[in-house]
Amino acid sequence: MSSLATPRDGGRTSRSLVINLGSFAALLLLWVLVTTPFGERPLVAPLFLPSPGSVWDTFLMLLKNGYQGKTLGYHLGISLFRFGIAFLMSVVVAVPLGLWMGMNETVKAVLDPPIEISRPMPKLALLPLLIIWFGIGEVAKVVIIVLALFPILSISAMQAVRGVGRRKVQAALALGASRAMIFRRVIFPASLPGIFTSVRVCIGLGVTMLVGAEMIATSAGIAYMAMSASDFLLTNVVIVGALIMAALGYLLDLCARALENRIVHWGGKEG
């Protein structure tokens, strides 16, 4: 059966895991080498790049004492809340809209121009305007992330539909399938790999936009914590915040990858 993993697939997975771990280990070793004093002082001063041990101690201190009167868990929870709401809103609205645009030329003609125009627009430049419109609360921060993710998700879903082979649709029509059945059994499943690819791209973009959203008018969040610490030259705290954001994006991507492998388990096995 094509859906079953072969021993060769297991070997490739193990090899990839070893390479991934080796890559992380090499980066950590390089970090240790440039921050360890061989002689009078290290290659890079602690003000610019603290050692891994120092950063770890700072992380433990933040876990215990928090930052500016709020626990590290609170800062992380606020950031996850902002990202989660914006990401879910984008997926729930943009993906169905993109599928509709891919299936209907009239809808595409109406909606494609404004979406394409908004796509290259620098979203962070709109943040002051969004604060004027929505205030300094959470709405402006969520909207700025949605504005960044929405065009990518909708256009990717549209292109995924338009990339479905005509022969598959014609074969379904010849067998007497209705339009609804063709969408449910042919178009939507064939579009899922492209949709999941755009979802994974948007995870990284969403985390990046979260940093921008927490730059203005907020007193909580991992990105806020890092940028606030930079004002006081607390490099350790800045790096802890950056690493948490990187880990957050990586773990979310792993979750999306696992979901894709479960739902689109037949991807790449056609033909």
C-alpha atoms as a PDB file:
ATOM      1  CA  MET A   1       0.000   0.000   0.000  1.00  0.00           C
ATOM      2  CA  SER A   2       1.308   3.453  -0.924  1.00  0.00           C
ATOM      3  CA  SER A   3       0.111   4.952   2.360  1.00  0.00           C
ATOM      4  CA  LEU A   4       2.318   2.631   4.413  1.00  0.00           C
ATOM      5  CA  ALA A   5       5.827   3.736   5.385  1.00  0.00           C
ATOM      6  CA  THR A   6       8.623   1.632   3.944  1.00  0.00           C
ATOM      7  CA  PRO A   7      11.909   0.792   5.704  1.00  0.00           C
ATOM      8  CA  ARG A   8      13.615   3.190   3.309  1.00  0.00           C
ATOM      9  CA  ASP A   9      11.236   5.969   4.440  1.00  0.00           C
ATOM     10  CA  GLY A  10      12.122   5.210   8.069  1.00  0.00           C
ATOM     11  CA  GLY A  11      15.825   5.408   7.251  1.00  0.00           C
ATOM     12  CA  ARG A  12      15.382   8.765   5.568  1.00  0.00           C
ATOM     13  CA  THR A  13      13.436  10.082   8.553  1.00  0.00           C
ATOM     14  CA  SER A  14      16.136   8.958  10.991  1.00  0.00           C
ATOM     15  CA  ARG A  15      18.859  10.464   8.819  1.00  0.00           C
ATOM     16  CA  SER A  16      16.986  13.781   8.607  1.00  0.00           C
ATOM     17  CA  LEU A  17      16.542  13.815  12.391  1.00  0.00           C
ATOM     18  CA  VAL A  18      20.249  13.232  12.914  1.00  0.00           C
ATOM     19  CA  ILE A  19      21.115  16.030  10.478  1.00  0.00           C
ATOM     20  CA  ASN A  20      18.647  18.390  12.188  1.00  0.00           C
ATOM     21  CA  LEU A  21      20.123  17.668  15.613  1.00  0.00           C
ATOM     22  CA  GLY A  22      23.619  18.067  14.218  1.00  0.00           C
ATOM     23  CA  SER A  23      22.708  21.452  12.763  1.00  0.00           C
ATOM     24  CA  PHE A  24      21.422  22.663  16.134  1.00  0.00           C
ATOM     25  CA  ALA A  25      24.495  21.290  17.880  1.00  0.00           C
ATOM     26  CA  ALA A  26      26.816  23.063  15.423  1.00  0.00           C
ATOM     27  CA  LEU A  27      25.073  26.390  16.006  1.00  0.00           C
ATOM     28  CA  LEU A  28      25.271  25.910  19.771  1.00  0.00           C
ATOM     29  CA  LEU A  29      28.953  25.026  19.557  1.00  0.00           C
ATOM     30  CA  LEU A  30      29.669  28.127  17.477  1.00  0.00           C
ATOM     31  CA  TRP A  31      27.809  30.226  20.052  1.00  0.00           C
ATOM     32  CA  VAL A  32      29.890  28.713  22.851  1.00  0.00           C
ATOM     33  CA  LEU A  33      33.153  29.286  20.980  1.00  0.00           C
ATOM     34  CA  VAL A  34      32.578  32.982  20.260  1.00  0.00           C
ATOM     35  CA  THR A  35      31.416  33.739  23.821  1.00  0.00           C
ATOM     36  CA  THR A  36      33.992  31.701  25.768  1.00  0.00           C
ATOM     37  CA  PRO A  37      37.073  33.690  26.860  1.00  0.00           C
ATOM     38  CA  PHE A  38      40.230  32.120  25.446  1.00  0.00           C
ATOM     39  CA  GLY A  39      42.685  34.470  27.084  1.00  0.00           C
ATOM     40  CA  GLU A  40      41.688  37.859  28.452  1.00  0.00           C
ATOM     41  CA  ARG A  41      38.241  38.134  26.871  1.00  0.00           C
ATOM     42  CA  PRO A  42      35.897  36.304  24.480  1.00  0.00           C
ATOM     43  CA  LEU A  43      35.750  36.956  20.764  1.00  0.00           C
ATOM     44  CA  VAL A  44      32.384  38.718  21.218  1.00  0.00           C
ATOM     45  CA  ALA A  45      31.726  40.881  24.286  1.00  0.00           C
ATOM     46  CA  PRO A  46      28.862  39.747  26.577  1.00  0.00           C
ATOM     47  CA  LEU A  47      27.077  43.052  25.977  1.00  0.00           C
ATOM     48  CA  PHE A  48      26.590  42.049  22.333  1.00  0.00           C
ATOM     49  CA  LEU A  49      26.256  38.276  22.708  1.00  0.00           C
ATOM     50  CA  PRO A  50      26.066  36.623  26.154  1.00  0.00           C
ATOM     51  CA  SER A  51      27.121  33.012  26.571  1.00  0.00           C
ATOM     52  CA  PRO A  52      24.549  30.175  26.391  1.00  0.00           C
ATOM     53  CA  GLY A  53      24.976  29.551  30.128  1.00  0.00           C
ATOM     54  CA  SER A  54      24.266  33.193  30.932  1.00  0.00           C
ATOM     55  CA  VAL A  55      21.180  33.201  28.716  1.00  0.00           C
ATOM     56  CA  TRP A  56      19.951  29.983  30.354  1.00  0.00           C
ATOM     57  CA  ASP A  57      20.371  31.523  33.821  1.00  0.00           C
ATOM     58  CA  THR A  58      18.400  34.558  32.670  1.00  0.00           C
ATOM     59  CA  PHE A  59      15.645  32.303  31.350  1.00  0.00           C
ATOM     60  CA  LEU A  60      15.413  30.543  34.724  1.00  0.00           C
ATOM     61  CA  MET A  61      15.365  33.915  36.476  1.00  0.00           C
ATOM     62  CA  LEU A  62      12.516  35.102  34.245  1.00  0.00           C
ATOM     63  CA  LEU A  63      10.621  31.880  34.944  1.00  0.00           C
ATOM     64  CA  LYS A  64      10.965  32.524  38.657  1.00  0.00           C
ATOM     65  CA  ASN A  65      10.572  36.304  38.910  1.00  0.00           C
ATOM     66  CA  GLY A  66       8.891  37.301  35.646  1.00  0.00           C
ATOM     67  CA  TYR A  67       9.506  40.606  33.906  1.00  0.00           C
ATOM     68  CA  GLN A  68       8.163  44.000  34.998  1.00  0.00           C
ATOM     69  CA  GLY A  69       5.720  42.484  37.466  1.00  0.00           C
ATOM     70  CA  LYS A  70       4.279  39.870  35.072  1.00  0.00           C
ATOM     71  CA  THR A  71       5.235  36.219  34.820  1.00  0.00           C
ATOM     72  CA  LEU A  72       6.930  34.822  31.737  1.00  0.00           C
ATOM     73  CA  GLY A  73       3.895  32.609  31.214  1.00  0.00           C
ATOM     74  CA  TYR A  74       1.657  35.687  31.156  1.00  0.00           C
ATOM     75  CA  HIS A  75       3.808  37.377  28.504  1.00  0.00           C
ATOM     76  CA  LEU A  76       3.810  34.195  26.422  1.00  0.00           C
ATOM     77  CA  GLY A  77       0.063  33.729  26.847  1.00  0.00           C
ATOM     78  CA  ILE A  78      -0.671  37.263  25.640  1.00  0.00           C
ATOM     79  CA  SER A  79       1.506  36.758  22.565  1.00  0.00           C
ATOM     80  CA  LEU A  80      -0.133  33.396  21.818  1.00  0.00           C
ATOM     81  CA  PHE A  81      -3.581  34.943  22.227  1.00  0.00           C
ATOM     82  CA  ARG A  82      -2.818  37.719  19.732  1.00  0.00           C
ATOM     83  CA  PHE A  83      -1.248  35.338  17.236  1.00  0.00           C
ATOM     84  CA  GLY A  84      -3.907  32.632  17.640  1.00  0.00           C
ATOM     85  CA  ILE A  85      -6.889  34.928  17.153  1.00  0.00           C
ATOM     86  CA  ALA A  86      -5.347  36.605  14.104  1.00  0.00           C
ATOM     87  CA  PHE A  87      -4.207  33.341  12.537  1.00  0.00           C
ATOM     88  CA  LEU A  88      -7.543  31.575  13.013  1.00  0.00           C
ATOM     89  CA  MET A  89      -9.474  34.557  11.649  1.00  0.00           C
ATOM     90  CA  SER A  90      -7.209  34.653   8.595  1.00  0.00           C
ATOM     91  CA  VAL A  91      -7.506  30.933   7.850  1.00  0.00           C
ATOM     92  CA  VAL A  92     -11.269  30.745   8.436  1.00  0.00           C
ATOM     93  CA  VAL A  93     -12.007  33.694   6.131  1.00  0.00           C
ATOM     94  CA  ALA A  94      -9.170  33.773   3.594  1.00  0.00           C
ATOM     95  CA  VAL A  95      -9.019  30.076   2.635  1.00  0.00           C
ATOM     96  CA  PRO A  96     -12.746  29.670   1.765  1.00  0.00           C
ATOM     97  CA  LEU A  97     -12.641  32.994  -0.052  1.00  0.00           C
ATOM     98  CA  GLY A  98      -9.608  31.884  -2.038  1.00  0.00           C
ATOM     99  CA  LEU A  99     -11.305  28.599  -2.930  1.00  0.00           C
ATOM    100  CA  TRP A 100     -14.348  30.537  -4.115  1.00  0.00           C
ATOM    101  CA  MET A 101     -12.154  32.845  -6.211  1.00  0.00           C
ATOM    102  CA  GLY A 102     -10.478  29.847  -7.785  1.00  0.00           C
ATOM    103  CA  MET A 103     -13.811  28.337  -8.820  1.00  0.00           C
ATOM    104  CA  ASN A 104     -15.648  31.475  -9.911  1.00  0.00           C
ATOM    105  CA  GLU A 105     -14.176  33.909 -12.449  1.00  0.00           C
ATOM    106  CA  THR A 106     -16.621  36.677 -11.498  1.00  0.00           C
ATOM    107  CA  VAL A 107     -15.649  36.511  -7.827  1.00  0.00           C
ATOM    108  CA  LYS A 108     -11.978  36.459  -8.836  1.00  0.00           C
ATOM    109  CA  ALA A 109     -12.428  39.514 -11.061  1.00  0.00           C
ATOM    110  CA  VAL A 110     -14.059  41.435  -8.191  1.00  0.00           C
ATOM    111  CA  LEU A 111     -11.802  40.445  -5.284  1.00  0.00           C
ATOM    112  CA  ASP A 112      -8.419  39.706  -6.846  1.00  0.00           C
ATOM    113  CA  PRO A 113      -7.406  43.358  -7.598  1.00  0.00           C
ATOM    114  CA  PRO A 114      -7.866  44.726  -4.035  1.00  0.00           C
ATOM    115  CA  ILE A 115      -6.180  41.654  -2.537  1.00  0.00           C
ATOM    116  CA  GLU A 116      -3.238  41.892  -4.936  1.00  0.00           C
ATOM    117  CA  ILE A 117      -2.878  45.623  -4.256  1.00  0.00           C
ATOM    118  CA  SER A 118      -2.862  45.086  -0.499  1.00  0.00           C
ATOM    119  CA  ARG A 119      -0.355  42.217  -0.617  1.00  0.00           C
ATOM    120  CA  PRO A 120       2.863  44.250  -1.166  1.00  0.00           C
ATOM    121  CA  MET A 121       1.728  47.094   1.077  1.00  0.00           C
ATOM    122  CA  PRO A 122       3.990  47.462   4.177  1.00  0.00           C
ATOM    123  CA  LYS A 123       1.618  46.489   6.958  1.00  0.00           C
ATOM    124  CA  LEU A 124       3.630  47.963   9.830  1.00  0.00           C
ATOM    125  CA  ALA A 125       3.285  51.375   8.191  1.00  0.00           C
ATOM    126  CA  LEU A 126      -0.468  51.048   8.781  1.00  0.00           C
ATOM    127  CA  LEU A 127      -0.109  50.407  12.509  1.00  0.00           C
ATOM    128  CA  PRO A 128      -0.437  54.089  13.564  1.00  0.00           C
ATOM    129  CA  LEU A 129      -3.547  54.358  11.380  1.00  0.00           C
ATOM    130  CA  LEU A 130      -5.016  51.202  12.906  1.00  0.00           C
ATOM    131  CA  ILE A 131      -4.413  52.598  16.383  1.00  0.00           C
ATOM    132  CA  ILE A 132      -6.346  55.728  15.372  1.00  0.00           C
ATOM    133  CA  TRP A 133      -9.197  53.573  14.051  1.00  0.00           C
ATOM    134  CA  PHE A 134      -9.317  50.833  16.697  1.00  0.00           C
ATOM    135  CA  GLY A 135      -7.516  52.340  19.682  1.00  0.00           C
ATOM    136  CA  ILE A 136      -4.519  50.978  21.573  1.00  0.00           C
ATOM    137  CA  GLY A 137      -6.191  47.734  22.661  1.00  0.00           C
ATOM    138  CA  GLU A 138      -5.866  44.263  21.221  1.00  0.00           C
ATOM    139  CA  VAL A 139      -7.962  44.857  18.103  1.00  0.00           C
ATOM    140  CA  ALA A 140      -5.311  46.901  16.279  1.00  0.00           C
ATOM    141  CA  LYS A 141      -2.646  44.295  17.051  1.00  0.00           C
ATOM    142  CA  VAL A 142      -4.802  41.450  15.762  1.00  0.00           C
ATOM    143  CA  VAL A 143      -5.847  43.364  12.639  1.00  0.00           C
ATOM    144  CA  ILE A 144      -2.250  44.162  11.634  1.00  0.00           C
ATOM    145  CA  ILE A 145      -1.426  40.427  11.675  1.00  0.00           C
ATOM    146  CA  VAL A 146      -4.593  39.566   9.740  1.00  0.00           C
ATOM    147  CA  LEU A 147      -3.739  42.150   7.074  1.00  0.00           C
ATOM    148  CA  ALA A 148      -0.375  40.461   6.535  1.00  0.00           C
ATOM    149  CA  LEU A 149      -1.689  36.889   6.389  1.00  0.00           C
ATOM    150  CA  PHE A 150      -4.979  37.337   4.541  1.00  0.00           C
ATOM    151  CA  PRO A 151      -3.622  38.073   1.014  1.00  0.00           C
ATOM    152  CA  ILE A 152      -1.143  35.179   1.101  1.00  0.00           C
ATOM    153  CA  LEU A 153      -3.699  32.620   2.278  1.00  0.00           C
ATOM    154  CA  SER A 154      -6.446  33.721  -0.128  1.00  0.00           C
ATOM    155  CA  ILE A 155      -4.179  33.933  -3.194  1.00  0.00           C
ATOM    156  CA  SER A 156      -2.533  30.587  -2.379  1.00  0.00           C
ATOM    157  CA  ALA A 157      -5.914  28.879  -1.994  1.00  0.00           C
ATOM    158  CA  MET A 158      -7.077  30.391  -5.289  1.00  0.00           C
ATOM    159  CA  GLN A 159      -3.956  29.223  -7.115  1.00  0.00           C
ATOM    160  CA  ALA A 160      -4.250  25.770  -5.546  1.00  0.00           C
ATOM    161  CA  VAL A 161      -7.752  25.410  -7.006  1.00  0.00           C
ATOM    162  CA  ARG A 162      -6.683  26.682 -10.417  1.00  0.00           C
ATOM    163  CA  GLY A 163      -3.821  24.185 -10.393  1.00  0.00           C
ATOM    164  CA  VAL A 164      -6.121  21.178 -10.141  1.00  0.00           C
ATOM    165  CA  GLY A 165      -5.874  19.073 -13.314  1.00  0.00           C
ATOM    166  CA  ARG A 166      -8.771  19.532 -15.717  1.00  0.00           C
ATOM    167  CA  ARG A 167      -8.764  15.820 -16.511  1.00  0.00           C
ATOM    168  CA  LYS A 168      -9.746  15.000 -12.930  1.00  0.00           C
ATOM    169  CA  VAL A 169     -12.705  17.382 -13.078  1.00  0.00           C
ATOM    170  CA  GLN A 170     -13.754  16.166 -16.530  1.00  0.00           C
ATOM    171  CA  ALA A 171     -13.544  12.550 -15.397  1.00  0.00           C
ATOM    172  CA  ALA A 172     -15.744  13.325 -12.395  1.00  0.00           C
ATOM    173  CA  LEU A 173     -18.252  15.115 -14.632  1.00  0.00           C
ATOM    174  CA  ALA A 174     -18.294  12.156 -17.031  1.00  0.00           C
ATOM    175  CA  LEU A 175     -19.149   9.894 -14.097  1.00  0.00           C
ATOM    176  CA  GLY A 176     -22.139  12.105 -13.257  1.00  0.00           C
ATOM    177  CA  ALA A 177     -20.762  13.888 -10.202  1.00  0.00           C
ATOM    178  CA  SER A 178     -22.468  17.111  -9.138  1.00  0.00           C
ATOM    179  CA  ARG A 179     -20.552  20.377  -8.692  1.00  0.00           C
ATOM    180  CA  ALA A 180     -20.734  20.032  -4.930  1.00  0.00           C
ATOM    181  CA  MET A 181     -19.371  16.482  -5.101  1.00  0.00           C
ATOM    182  CA  ILE A 182     -16.582  17.543  -7.474  1.00  0.00           C
ATOM    183  CA  PHE A 183     -15.526  20.241  -5.043  1.00  0.00           C
ATOM    184  CA  ARG A 184     -15.707  17.913  -2.043  1.00  0.00           C
ATOM    185  CA  ARG A 185     -14.073  14.861  -3.630  1.00  0.00           C
ATOM    186  CA  VAL A 186     -11.721  16.343  -6.258  1.00  0.00           C
ATOM    187  CA  ILE A 187     -10.956  20.063  -6.023  1.00  0.00           C
ATOM    188  CA  PHE A 188     -10.670  20.528  -2.267  1.00  0.00           C
ATOM    189  CA  PRO A 189      -8.471  17.459  -1.600  1.00  0.00           C
ATOM    190  CA  ALA A 190      -6.201  18.374  -4.523  1.00  0.00           C
ATOM    191  CA  SER A 191      -5.888  21.932  -3.183  1.00  0.00           C
ATOM    192  CA  LEU A 192      -4.914  20.926   0.352  1.00  0.00           C
ATOM    193  CA  PRO A 193      -1.132  20.578  -0.229  1.00  0.00           C
ATOM    194  CA  GLY A 194      -0.933  24.124  -1.591  1.00  0.00           C
ATOM    195  CA  ILE A 195      -3.103  25.451   1.219  1.00  0.00           C
ATOM    196  CA  PHE A 196      -0.954  23.796   3.886  1.00  0.00           C
ATOM    197  CA  THR A 197       2.192  25.230   2.288  1.00  0.00           C
ATOM    198  CA  SER A 198       0.752  28.746   2.559  1.00  0.00           C
ATOM    199  CA  VAL A 199      -0.344  28.053   6.142  1.00  0.00           C
ATOM    200  CA  ARG A 200       3.218  27.127   7.088  1.00  0.00           C
ATOM    201  CA  VAL A 201       4.573  30.237   5.374  1.00  0.00           C
ATOM    202  CA  CYS A 202       2.041  32.358   7.246  1.00  0.00           C
ATOM    203  CA  ILE A 203       3.058  30.895  10.608  1.00  0.00           C
ATOM    204  CA  GLY A 204       6.521  32.402  10.232  1.00  0.00           C
ATOM    205  CA  LEU A 205       5.141  35.660   8.843  1.00  0.00           C
ATOM    206  CA  GLY A 206       2.561  35.840  11.626  1.00  0.00           C
ATOM    207  CA  VAL A 207       5.213  35.500  14.330  1.00  0.00           C
ATOM    208  CA  THR A 208       7.235  38.239  12.613  1.00  0.00           C
ATOM    209  CA  MET A 209       4.193  40.518  12.451  1.00  0.00           C
ATOM    210  CA  LEU A 210       3.488  39.769  16.110  1.00  0.00           C
ATOM    211  CA  VAL A 211       6.817  41.406  16.939  1.00  0.00           C
ATOM    212  CA  GLY A 212       5.750  44.516  15.045  1.00  0.00           C
ATOM    213  CA  ALA A 213       2.309  44.500  16.666  1.00  0.00           C
ATOM    214  CA  GLU A 214       3.874  44.472  20.142  1.00  0.00           C
ATOM    215  CA  MET A 215       6.141  47.406  19.397  1.00  0.00           C
ATOM    216  CA  ILE A 216       3.495  50.039  20.103  1.00  0.00           C
ATOM    217  CA  ALA A 217       1.077  50.681  22.947  1.00  0.00           C
ATOM    218  CA  THR A 218       1.392  47.471  24.947  1.00  0.00           C
ATOM    219  CA  SER A 219       2.786  46.384  28.285  1.00  0.00           C
ATOM    220  CA  ALA A 220       2.858  42.604  27.825  1.00  0.00           C
ATOM    221  CA  GLY A 221       4.034  40.027  25.339  1.00  0.00           C
ATOM    222  CA  ILE A 222       7.266  38.215  24.565  1.00  0.00           C
ATOM    223  CA  ALA A 223       8.268  40.645  21.814  1.00  0.00           C
ATOM    224  CA  TYR A 224       7.424  43.592  24.078  1.00  0.00           C
ATOM    225  CA  MET A 225       9.600  42.068  26.785  1.00  0.00           C
ATOM    226  CA  ALA A 226      12.573  41.765  24.413  1.00  0.00           C
ATOM    227  CA  MET A 227      12.244  45.255  22.964  1.00  0.00           C
ATOM    228  CA  SER A 228      11.698  46.816  26.378  1.00  0.00           C
ATOM    229  CA  ALA A 229      14.820  45.063  27.664  1.00  0.00           C
ATOM    230  CA  SER A 230      16.849  46.444  24.764  1.00  0.00           C
ATOM    231  CA  ASP A 231      16.231  49.982  26.065  1.00  0.00           C
ATOM    232  CA  PHE A 232      18.159  49.028  29.208  1.00  0.00           C
ATOM    233  CA  LEU A 233      20.843  47.012  27.343  1.00  0.00           C
ATOM    234  CA  LEU A 234      19.596  43.787  28.945  1.00  0.00           C
ATOM    235  CA  THR A 235      20.960  41.645  26.143  1.00  0.00           C
ATOM    236  CA  ASN A 236      20.256  38.389  27.986  1.00  0.00           C
ATOM    237  CA  VAL A 237      16.549  39.169  28.201  1.00  0.00           C
ATOM    238  CA  VAL A 238      16.481  40.235  24.549  1.00  0.00           C
ATOM    239  CA  ILE A 239      18.005  36.924  23.458  1.00  0.00           C
ATOM    240  CA  VAL A 240      15.655  34.934  25.702  1.00  0.00           C
ATOM    241  CA  GLY A 241      12.701  36.705  24.095  1.00  0.00           C
ATOM    242  CA  ALA A 242      14.070  36.148  20.581  1.00  0.00           C
ATOM    243  CA  LEU A 243      14.683  32.456  21.269  1.00  0.00           C
ATOM    244  CA  ILE A 244      11.195  32.010  22.688  1.00  0.00           C
ATOM    245  CA  MET A 245       9.699  33.609  19.578  1.00  0.00           C
ATOM    246  CA  ALA A 246      11.862  31.383  17.356  1.00  0.00           C
ATOM    247  CA  ALA A 247      10.861  28.282  19.335  1.00  0.00           C
ATOM    248  CA  LEU A 248       7.213  29.329  19.141  1.00  0.00           C
ATOM    249  CA  GLY A 249       7.350  29.647  15.361  1.00  0.00           C
ATOM    250  CA  TYR A 250       9.218  26.353  15.006  1.00  0.00           C
ATOM    251  CA  LEU A 251       6.809  24.419  17.246  1.00  0.00           C
ATOM    252  CA  LEU A 252       3.781  25.847  15.439  1.00  0.00           C
ATOM    253  CA  ASP A 253       5.345  24.849  12.125  1.00  0.00           C
ATOM    254  CA  LEU A 254       5.912  21.323  13.448  1.00  0.00           C
ATOM    255  CA  CYS A 255       2.244  21.175  14.476  1.00  0.00           C
ATOM    256  CA  ALA A 256       1.168  22.324  10.994  1.00  0.00           C
ATOM    257  CA  ARG A 257       3.499  19.751   9.419  1.00  0.00           C
ATOM    258  CA  ALA A 258       2.084  16.966  11.597  1.00  0.00           C
ATOM    259  CA  LEU A 259      -1.478  18.015  10.757  1.00  0.00           C
ATOM    260  CA  GLU A 260      -0.602  18.089   7.055  1.00  0.00           C
ATOM    261  CA  ASN A 261       0.931  14.605   7.214  1.00  0.00           C
ATOM    262  CA  ARG A 262      -2.205  13.318   8.923  1.00  0.00           C
ATOM    263  CA  ILE A 263      -4.729  14.977   6.625  1.00  0.00           C
ATOM    264  CA  VAL A 264      -2.813  14.974   3.336  1.00  0.00           C
ATOM    265  CA  HIS A 265      -1.134  11.604   3.893  1.00  0.00           C
ATOM    266  CA  TRP A 266      -1.422  10.861   0.169  1.00  0.00           C
ATOM    267  CA  GLY A 267       0.528  13.991  -0.840  1.00  0.00           C
ATOM    268  CA  GLY A 268       3.349  13.268  -3.269  1.00  0.00           C
ATOM    269  CA  LYS A 269       2.192   9.665  -3.753  1.00  0.00           C
ATOM    270  CA  GLU A 270       0.057  10.096  -6.844  1.00  0.00           C
ATOM    271  CA  GLY A 271       0.987   8.746 -10.233  1.00  0.00           C
END
